[in-house]
Amino acid sequence: MKVLVTGAAGFIGAHVAHRLLDRGETVVGVDNLDPYYDPALKQARLDRLVARDGFESVHLNIADREAMPALFEAQRFDGVVHLAAQAGVRHSLTHPHDYIDSNVTGTLNVLEGCRHTNVGHLVYASTSSAYGLSTDMPFSPQGTADHPAAIYAASKRATELMAHSYSHLYGLPTTGLRFFTVYGPWGRPDMALFLFTKKMLAGESIPVFNHGQHRRDFTYVDDISEGVVRILYEPAQPDPEWSSDAPTLGTSCAPWRIYNIGNGQPVPLMDYIARLEECLGIEAQKKLLPMQAGDIEATSADVSGLFDAVGYRPQVSVEEGVKNFVDWYRAFYKI
C-alpha cells in the first residue's frame, strides 16, 4: 500500500509511520512543523523517518485548499491515516480559530482528497474529549458525545460527523478513533508526563489540577499505533443491523465506524505521578490546584469494539510505559 500519514512529525503520527514502514508499506508523511510546541522535537522525529527507505516527507499545511488536492492527485493513496490536528484543550481556550482552521477545514480537505481519488480507507484521530460532560463510564462509542467541554473537543466531534456525511454520500469508508491520554517516548511537551519530568528534573514544582483527583485512561503510544495500523487494514463496512428507528451511535448504514482506542484501565493521577517519582528518583513538589476550565475529571475507555474488530488489546502497563518515557527523555536531552 501507499499510505498518507498526516501529522507525520507529530507524536502519534511518527510512531504510526514507523510501524507502517516496518510492514513494508510506502509512506508519504505530511506535516507543516507548526510551532505550537518545539519544532526541533518534531524535526528530530521527522529526521528518523526520512532516514528510512519507503518514506517521503512533504511539508504542507492540511488547511491549504490548493496544495491538498494536488497532493492527492499526484500521489494516489491506497489508504490515509489522518492524525494532523491542532491539539490541546488549554490552547483552545485562547486560540479557538486554530482548531477550526486545522481540525475542521484541514479534515474537510482530507475528506475531499479521499473522495476524488477513491482512497480505500480513511482512518482519522478523534479524542476521548468528545465525551465532554458525560459521566457514564466506561465511555462507549454507543454513548452520547454531544456535550463537549471545550472547542477542541467540539472540533474533533465535528470531524466525526463530517466523515459520516462523506461515507453516506460517496461510500468512502471512514473510521474514527477516539484516543485516550496517549503517552510514551517522543511525546508532546505540553502533556503531563513530559511537563512533570522537565519540571521535576529542574527542581520546580508541578501543577496538579483538580487537587490530584483526576483519573485517566493512560495509553502507551505503541499500543495506540498498533491499533491504528490494524484498523487501517479493515475498512469500515455498513452495519446491516443499523436502523433509523433506533440508531446506534458508533455505527451506521454507511461505511462509517467510531471506536475507542485506550488502555481500558483508568489510573489515578497521583499513582501516575508516584510512578514517575520512582523512575526519576525524585519526590515531586506538588502544587495542588482546582479543576481547569474545559477539563473533565475522569476518562475510562470501553475498547471492546476495537477488540472485536481487530483483536486490539493493550500490552504496556503504566509502570513499564513511564519508565520507557523517562529512559527516552534522559537519552534525548542528555540528562
Protein backbone atom coordinates (compact mmCIF):
# COMPACT_ATOMS: atom_id res chain seq x y z
CA MET A 1 0.00 0.00 0.00
CA LYS A 2 0.89 3.64 -0.40
CA VAL A 3 -0.34 5.36 2.76
CA LEU A 4 -0.64 9.05 3.54
CA VAL A 5 0.05 9.89 7.19
CA THR A 6 -0.86 13.46 8.07
CA GLY A 7 0.92 14.87 11.11
CA ALA A 8 3.85 12.52 10.48
CA ALA A 9 6.22 14.66 12.55
CA GLY A 10 3.80 14.54 15.46
CA PHE A 11 3.95 12.23 18.46
CA ILE A 12 1.47 9.58 17.31
CA GLY A 13 1.99 10.20 13.59
CA ALA A 14 5.69 9.37 13.75
CA HIS A 15 5.04 6.12 15.62
CA VAL A 16 2.34 5.09 13.15
CA ALA A 17 4.59 5.89 10.17
CA HIS A 18 7.41 3.74 11.61
CA ARG A 19 5.01 0.86 12.17
CA LEU A 20 3.73 1.06 8.59
CA LEU A 21 7.29 1.15 7.25
CA ASP A 22 8.09 -1.91 9.37
CA ARG A 23 5.29 -3.68 7.49
CA GLY A 24 6.86 -2.76 4.15
CA GLU A 25 4.38 -0.08 3.15
CA THR A 26 5.27 3.11 1.28
CA VAL A 27 4.51 6.12 3.47
CA VAL A 28 4.09 9.75 2.47
CA GLY A 29 4.24 11.93 5.57
CA VAL A 30 2.69 15.38 5.60
CA ASP A 31 3.49 17.95 8.28
CA ASN A 32 3.94 21.72 8.44
CA LEU A 33 6.07 21.63 11.64
CA ASP A 34 3.68 24.02 13.35
CA PRO A 35 5.38 25.87 16.26
CA TYR A 36 2.58 25.06 18.76
CA TYR A 37 5.39 23.20 20.55
CA ASP A 38 9.14 22.84 19.94
CA PRO A 39 9.65 22.37 16.16
CA ALA A 40 13.09 20.90 16.90
CA LEU A 41 11.43 17.88 18.54
CA LYS A 42 9.16 17.48 15.53
CA GLN A 43 12.15 17.75 13.20
CA ALA A 44 14.02 15.10 15.20
CA ARG A 45 11.07 12.72 14.79
CA LEU A 46 10.93 13.51 11.09
CA ASP A 47 14.68 13.02 10.60
CA ARG A 48 14.39 9.43 11.86
CA LEU A 49 11.64 8.76 9.33
CA VAL A 50 13.43 10.40 6.39
CA ALA A 51 16.41 8.12 7.04
CA ARG A 52 14.25 5.07 6.28
CA ASP A 53 13.54 3.50 2.89
CA GLY A 54 9.97 3.93 1.70
CA PHE A 55 9.30 7.27 3.40
CA GLU A 56 8.69 10.58 1.62
CA SER A 57 8.30 13.83 3.54
CA VAL A 58 6.03 16.62 2.28
CA HIS A 59 5.98 19.99 4.06
CA LEU A 60 2.37 21.07 3.78
CA ASN A 61 -0.45 22.64 5.78
CA ILE A 62 -3.54 20.44 5.55
CA ALA A 63 -5.71 23.59 5.60
CA ASP A 64 -4.25 24.63 2.21
CA ARG A 65 -7.16 24.26 -0.24
CA GLU A 66 -4.93 24.26 -3.31
CA ALA A 67 -2.00 22.15 -2.19
CA MET A 68 -4.03 19.30 -0.69
CA PRO A 69 -5.97 18.34 -3.83
CA ALA A 70 -2.72 18.48 -5.81
CA LEU A 71 -1.07 16.12 -3.33
CA PHE A 72 -3.88 13.57 -3.59
CA GLU A 73 -3.94 13.74 -7.40
CA ALA A 74 -0.18 13.34 -7.70
CA GLN A 75 0.25 10.51 -5.18
CA ARG A 76 -2.94 8.40 -5.44
CA PHE A 77 -3.00 6.84 -1.97
CA ASP A 78 -4.47 3.45 -1.13
CA GLY A 79 -5.13 4.46 2.47
CA VAL A 80 -4.97 7.57 4.64
CA VAL A 81 -4.19 7.90 8.35
CA HIS A 82 -5.21 11.44 9.26
CA LEU A 83 -3.53 12.48 12.52
CA ALA A 84 -2.66 16.12 11.85
CA ALA A 85 -4.58 18.43 14.16
CA GLN A 86 -4.36 21.36 16.48
CA ALA A 87 -4.18 19.60 19.82
CA GLY A 88 -4.51 20.73 23.41
CA VAL A 89 -7.52 21.74 25.48
CA ARG A 90 -5.73 24.68 27.17
CA HIS A 91 -4.69 26.29 23.88
CA SER A 92 -8.25 26.09 22.59
CA LEU A 93 -9.45 28.46 25.31
CA THR A 94 -7.32 31.30 23.91
CA HIS A 95 -6.85 30.36 20.23
CA PRO A 96 -10.16 28.83 19.07
CA HIS A 97 -9.67 29.76 15.40
CA ASP A 98 -6.62 27.47 15.22
CA TYR A 99 -8.91 24.49 15.85
CA ILE A 100 -11.38 25.34 13.13
CA ASP A 101 -8.60 26.00 10.60
CA SER A 102 -6.69 22.80 11.29
CA ASN A 103 -9.23 20.32 12.61
CA VAL A 104 -12.31 21.25 10.64
CA THR A 105 -11.02 22.83 7.42
CA GLY A 106 -7.99 20.53 7.33
CA THR A 107 -10.16 17.44 7.75
CA LEU A 108 -12.53 18.65 5.05
CA ASN A 109 -9.57 18.89 2.66
CA VAL A 110 -8.56 15.33 3.55
CA LEU A 111 -12.10 14.07 3.00
CA GLU A 112 -12.28 15.82 -0.37
CA GLY A 113 -8.93 14.34 -1.39
CA CYS A 114 -10.07 10.85 -0.43
CA ARG A 115 -13.38 11.28 -2.24
CA HIS A 116 -11.92 12.48 -5.54
CA THR A 117 -9.10 9.90 -5.71
CA ASN A 118 -11.04 6.85 -4.49
CA VAL A 119 -8.99 6.19 -1.36
CA GLY A 120 -9.80 2.74 0.03
CA HIS A 121 -10.00 3.68 3.71
CA LEU A 122 -9.62 6.82 5.81
CA VAL A 123 -8.66 6.35 9.46
CA TYR A 124 -8.65 9.56 11.47
CA ALA A 125 -7.94 10.68 15.01
CA SER A 126 -10.72 11.76 17.29
CA THR A 127 -10.49 12.13 21.06
CA SER A 128 -11.85 10.95 24.39
CA SER A 129 -12.62 14.63 25.00
CA ALA A 130 -15.58 14.15 22.65
CA TYR A 131 -17.46 12.59 25.58
CA GLY A 132 -17.35 16.00 27.26
CA LEU A 133 -19.72 16.32 30.20
CA SER A 134 -20.80 12.68 30.14
CA THR A 135 -20.14 10.72 33.33
CA ASP A 136 -21.47 7.40 32.03
CA MET A 137 -18.27 5.35 32.26
CA PRO A 138 -16.62 3.47 30.81
CA PHE A 139 -17.15 5.71 27.82
CA SER A 140 -18.63 3.83 24.86
CA PRO A 141 -18.95 4.90 21.21
CA GLN A 142 -22.61 3.95 21.60
CA GLY A 143 -23.00 6.59 24.31
CA THR A 144 -23.60 10.31 23.97
CA ALA A 145 -20.83 12.61 22.77
CA ASP A 146 -22.77 15.80 22.18
CA HIS A 147 -21.84 17.99 25.15
CA PRO A 148 -18.19 18.99 24.60
CA ALA A 149 -16.43 20.93 27.35
CA ALA A 150 -14.06 22.87 25.05
CA ILE A 151 -13.77 23.94 21.40
CA TYR A 152 -11.02 21.33 20.90
CA ALA A 153 -13.50 18.55 21.66
CA ALA A 154 -16.20 20.23 19.58
CA SER A 155 -13.87 20.45 16.57
CA LYS A 156 -12.98 16.77 16.79
CA ARG A 157 -16.62 15.74 17.18
CA ALA A 158 -17.32 17.80 14.07
CA THR A 159 -14.80 15.73 12.13
CA GLU A 160 -16.67 12.55 13.07
CA LEU A 161 -19.93 13.97 11.71
CA MET A 162 -18.22 15.29 8.58
CA ALA A 163 -16.74 11.84 7.96
CA HIS A 164 -20.19 10.30 8.27
CA SER A 165 -21.60 12.59 5.60
CA TYR A 166 -18.83 11.56 3.19
CA SER A 167 -19.31 7.88 4.00
CA HIS A 168 -23.06 8.27 3.40
CA LEU A 169 -22.88 10.38 0.23
CA TYR A 170 -19.87 8.88 -1.51
CA GLY A 171 -19.39 5.43 0.02
CA LEU A 172 -15.99 6.43 1.43
CA PRO A 173 -15.03 4.02 4.24
CA THR A 174 -14.06 6.09 7.29
CA THR A 175 -13.07 5.02 10.79
CA GLY A 176 -12.67 7.44 13.68
CA LEU A 177 -10.57 6.51 16.70
CA ARG A 178 -11.13 8.30 19.99
CA PHE A 179 -7.69 8.42 21.61
CA PHE A 180 -7.38 8.25 25.40
CA THR A 181 -4.44 10.16 27.01
CA VAL A 182 -1.53 8.90 24.92
CA TYR A 183 1.96 8.96 26.46
CA GLY A 184 5.40 7.48 25.84
CA PRO A 185 8.78 8.20 24.20
CA TRP A 186 8.89 11.15 21.78
CA GLY A 187 5.78 12.55 23.50
CA ARG A 188 4.37 16.06 23.42
CA PRO A 189 5.93 18.69 25.74
CA ASP A 190 2.50 20.11 26.64
CA MET A 191 1.27 16.83 28.13
CA ALA A 192 1.51 15.92 31.80
CA LEU A 193 4.26 13.29 31.76
CA PHE A 194 6.65 15.41 29.69
CA LEU A 195 5.85 18.57 31.64
CA PHE A 196 6.20 16.87 35.03
CA THR A 197 9.50 15.24 34.09
CA LYS A 198 11.00 18.50 32.88
CA LYS A 199 9.96 20.41 36.00
CA MET A 200 11.00 17.70 38.46
CA LEU A 201 14.47 17.42 36.94
CA ALA A 202 14.77 21.22 37.17
CA GLY A 203 13.76 21.19 40.84
CA GLU A 204 10.50 23.01 40.14
CA SER A 205 7.02 22.28 41.49
CA ILE A 206 4.48 20.54 39.25
CA PRO A 207 0.89 21.77 38.78
CA VAL A 208 -1.59 19.10 39.88
CA PHE A 209 -5.08 20.14 38.86
CA ASN A 210 -8.36 19.07 40.46
CA HIS A 211 -6.28 18.64 43.64
CA GLY A 212 -4.95 15.36 42.26
CA GLN A 213 -8.38 13.73 41.94
CA HIS A 214 -8.17 13.13 38.18
CA ARG A 215 -8.35 9.60 36.80
CA ARG A 216 -7.11 8.98 33.27
CA ASP A 217 -7.08 6.07 30.85
CA PHE A 218 -3.35 6.48 30.14
CA THR A 219 -2.48 4.63 26.91
CA TYR A 220 1.04 3.83 25.76
CA VAL A 221 1.89 5.08 22.29
CA ASP A 222 2.95 1.66 20.94
CA ASP A 223 -0.46 0.26 21.84
CA ILE A 224 -2.10 3.21 20.11
CA SER A 225 -0.03 2.91 16.91
CA GLU A 226 -0.63 -0.85 16.73
CA GLY A 227 -4.39 -0.30 16.95
CA VAL A 228 -4.32 2.43 14.30
CA VAL A 229 -2.41 0.26 11.84
CA ARG A 230 -4.59 -2.79 12.45
CA ILE A 231 -7.80 -0.89 11.75
CA LEU A 232 -6.36 0.62 8.57
CA TYR A 233 -6.44 -2.85 7.00
CA GLU A 234 -10.10 -3.33 7.94
CA PRO A 235 -12.11 -0.72 6.00
CA ALA A 236 -15.35 0.30 7.66
CA GLN A 237 -18.45 -1.50 6.45
CA PRO A 238 -22.14 -0.60 6.70
CA ASP A 239 -23.82 -2.06 9.77
CA PRO A 240 -26.55 -4.39 8.43
CA GLU A 241 -28.46 -4.10 11.73
CA TRP A 242 -28.45 -0.30 11.84
CA SER A 243 -31.93 1.19 11.95
CA SER A 244 -33.02 4.81 11.69
CA ASP A 245 -35.83 3.99 14.11
CA ALA A 246 -33.33 3.17 16.87
CA PRO A 247 -29.94 4.35 15.57
CA THR A 248 -26.74 3.17 17.23
CA LEU A 249 -24.25 6.00 17.68
CA GLY A 250 -20.95 4.34 16.71
CA THR A 251 -22.11 2.60 13.52
CA SER A 252 -24.25 3.46 10.51
CA CYS A 253 -25.90 2.19 7.37
CA ALA A 254 -22.93 3.93 5.72
CA PRO A 255 -19.35 2.52 5.82
CA TRP A 256 -18.54 4.52 8.97
CA ARG A 257 -17.29 3.45 12.37
CA ILE A 258 -16.24 5.06 15.65
CA TYR A 259 -14.05 3.16 18.12
CA ASN A 260 -12.38 3.97 21.39
CA ILE A 261 -8.65 3.29 21.47
CA GLY A 262 -7.33 3.30 25.01
CA ASN A 263 -5.90 1.15 27.75
CA GLY A 264 -9.22 0.31 29.38
CA GLN A 265 -7.78 0.60 32.90
CA PRO A 266 -8.04 4.13 34.38
CA VAL A 267 -5.23 5.17 36.72
CA PRO A 268 -5.43 7.86 39.44
CA LEU A 269 -3.23 10.82 38.53
CA MET A 270 -1.44 10.61 41.88
CA ASP A 271 -0.45 6.98 41.15
CA TYR A 272 0.88 8.10 37.77
CA ILE A 273 2.97 10.77 39.48
CA ALA A 274 4.18 8.26 42.07
CA ARG A 275 5.50 6.01 39.30
CA LEU A 276 7.30 8.97 37.73
CA GLU A 277 8.86 9.85 41.10
CA GLU A 278 10.08 6.27 41.39
CA CYS A 279 11.62 6.27 37.91
CA LEU A 280 13.31 9.65 38.37
CA GLY A 281 14.35 9.07 41.97
CA ILE A 282 12.86 12.47 42.82
CA GLU A 283 9.95 13.37 45.08
CA ALA A 284 7.74 15.86 43.24
CA GLN A 285 6.87 19.21 44.78
CA LYS A 286 3.16 19.17 44.06
CA LYS A 287 1.22 22.39 43.69
CA LEU A 288 -2.43 21.35 44.14
CA LEU A 289 -4.79 23.45 42.03
CA PRO A 290 -8.53 23.49 41.22
CA MET A 291 -10.00 21.99 38.07
CA GLN A 292 -9.11 23.84 34.88
CA ALA A 293 -11.75 25.26 32.58
CA GLY A 294 -12.63 22.84 29.79
CA ASP A 295 -11.26 19.83 31.66
CA ILE A 296 -13.06 16.67 32.75
CA GLU A 297 -12.48 14.72 35.94
CA ALA A 298 -12.10 11.18 34.64
CA THR A 299 -11.84 9.10 31.48
CA SER A 300 -12.31 5.38 31.01
CA ALA A 301 -12.45 3.59 27.66
CA ASP A 302 -14.62 0.70 26.62
CA VAL A 303 -12.37 -0.81 23.95
CA SER A 304 -14.45 -3.92 23.30
CA GLY A 305 -15.47 -2.69 19.85
CA LEU A 306 -11.89 -2.41 18.65
CA PHE A 307 -11.06 -5.78 20.17
CA ASP A 308 -13.97 -7.38 18.31
CA ALA A 309 -12.93 -5.69 15.06
CA VAL A 310 -9.17 -6.32 15.02
CA GLY A 311 -8.22 -8.09 18.25
CA TYR A 312 -6.86 -4.88 19.81
CA ARG A 313 -5.55 -5.50 23.31
CA PRO A 314 -3.17 -3.06 25.07
CA GLN A 315 0.12 -4.65 26.14
CA VAL A 316 2.07 -1.99 28.05
CA SER A 317 1.38 -1.17 31.70
CA VAL A 318 1.74 2.31 33.14
CA GLU A 319 4.67 1.06 35.22
CA GLU A 320 6.57 -0.03 32.12
CA GLY A 321 5.44 2.86 29.95
CA VAL A 322 6.51 5.62 32.35
CA LYS A 323 9.94 4.00 32.72
CA ASN A 324 10.32 3.84 28.94
CA PHE A 325 9.48 7.53 28.67
CA VAL A 326 11.97 8.53 31.37
CA ASP A 327 14.71 6.46 29.70
CA TRP A 328 13.99 8.16 26.37
CA TYR A 329 13.86 11.64 27.94
CA ARG A 330 17.23 11.24 29.63
CA ALA A 331 18.82 9.93 26.43
CA PHE A 332 17.26 12.53 24.11
CA TYR A 333 18.09 15.52 26.32
CA LYS A 334 21.40 14.00 27.50
CA ILE A 335 20.49 14.16 31.19
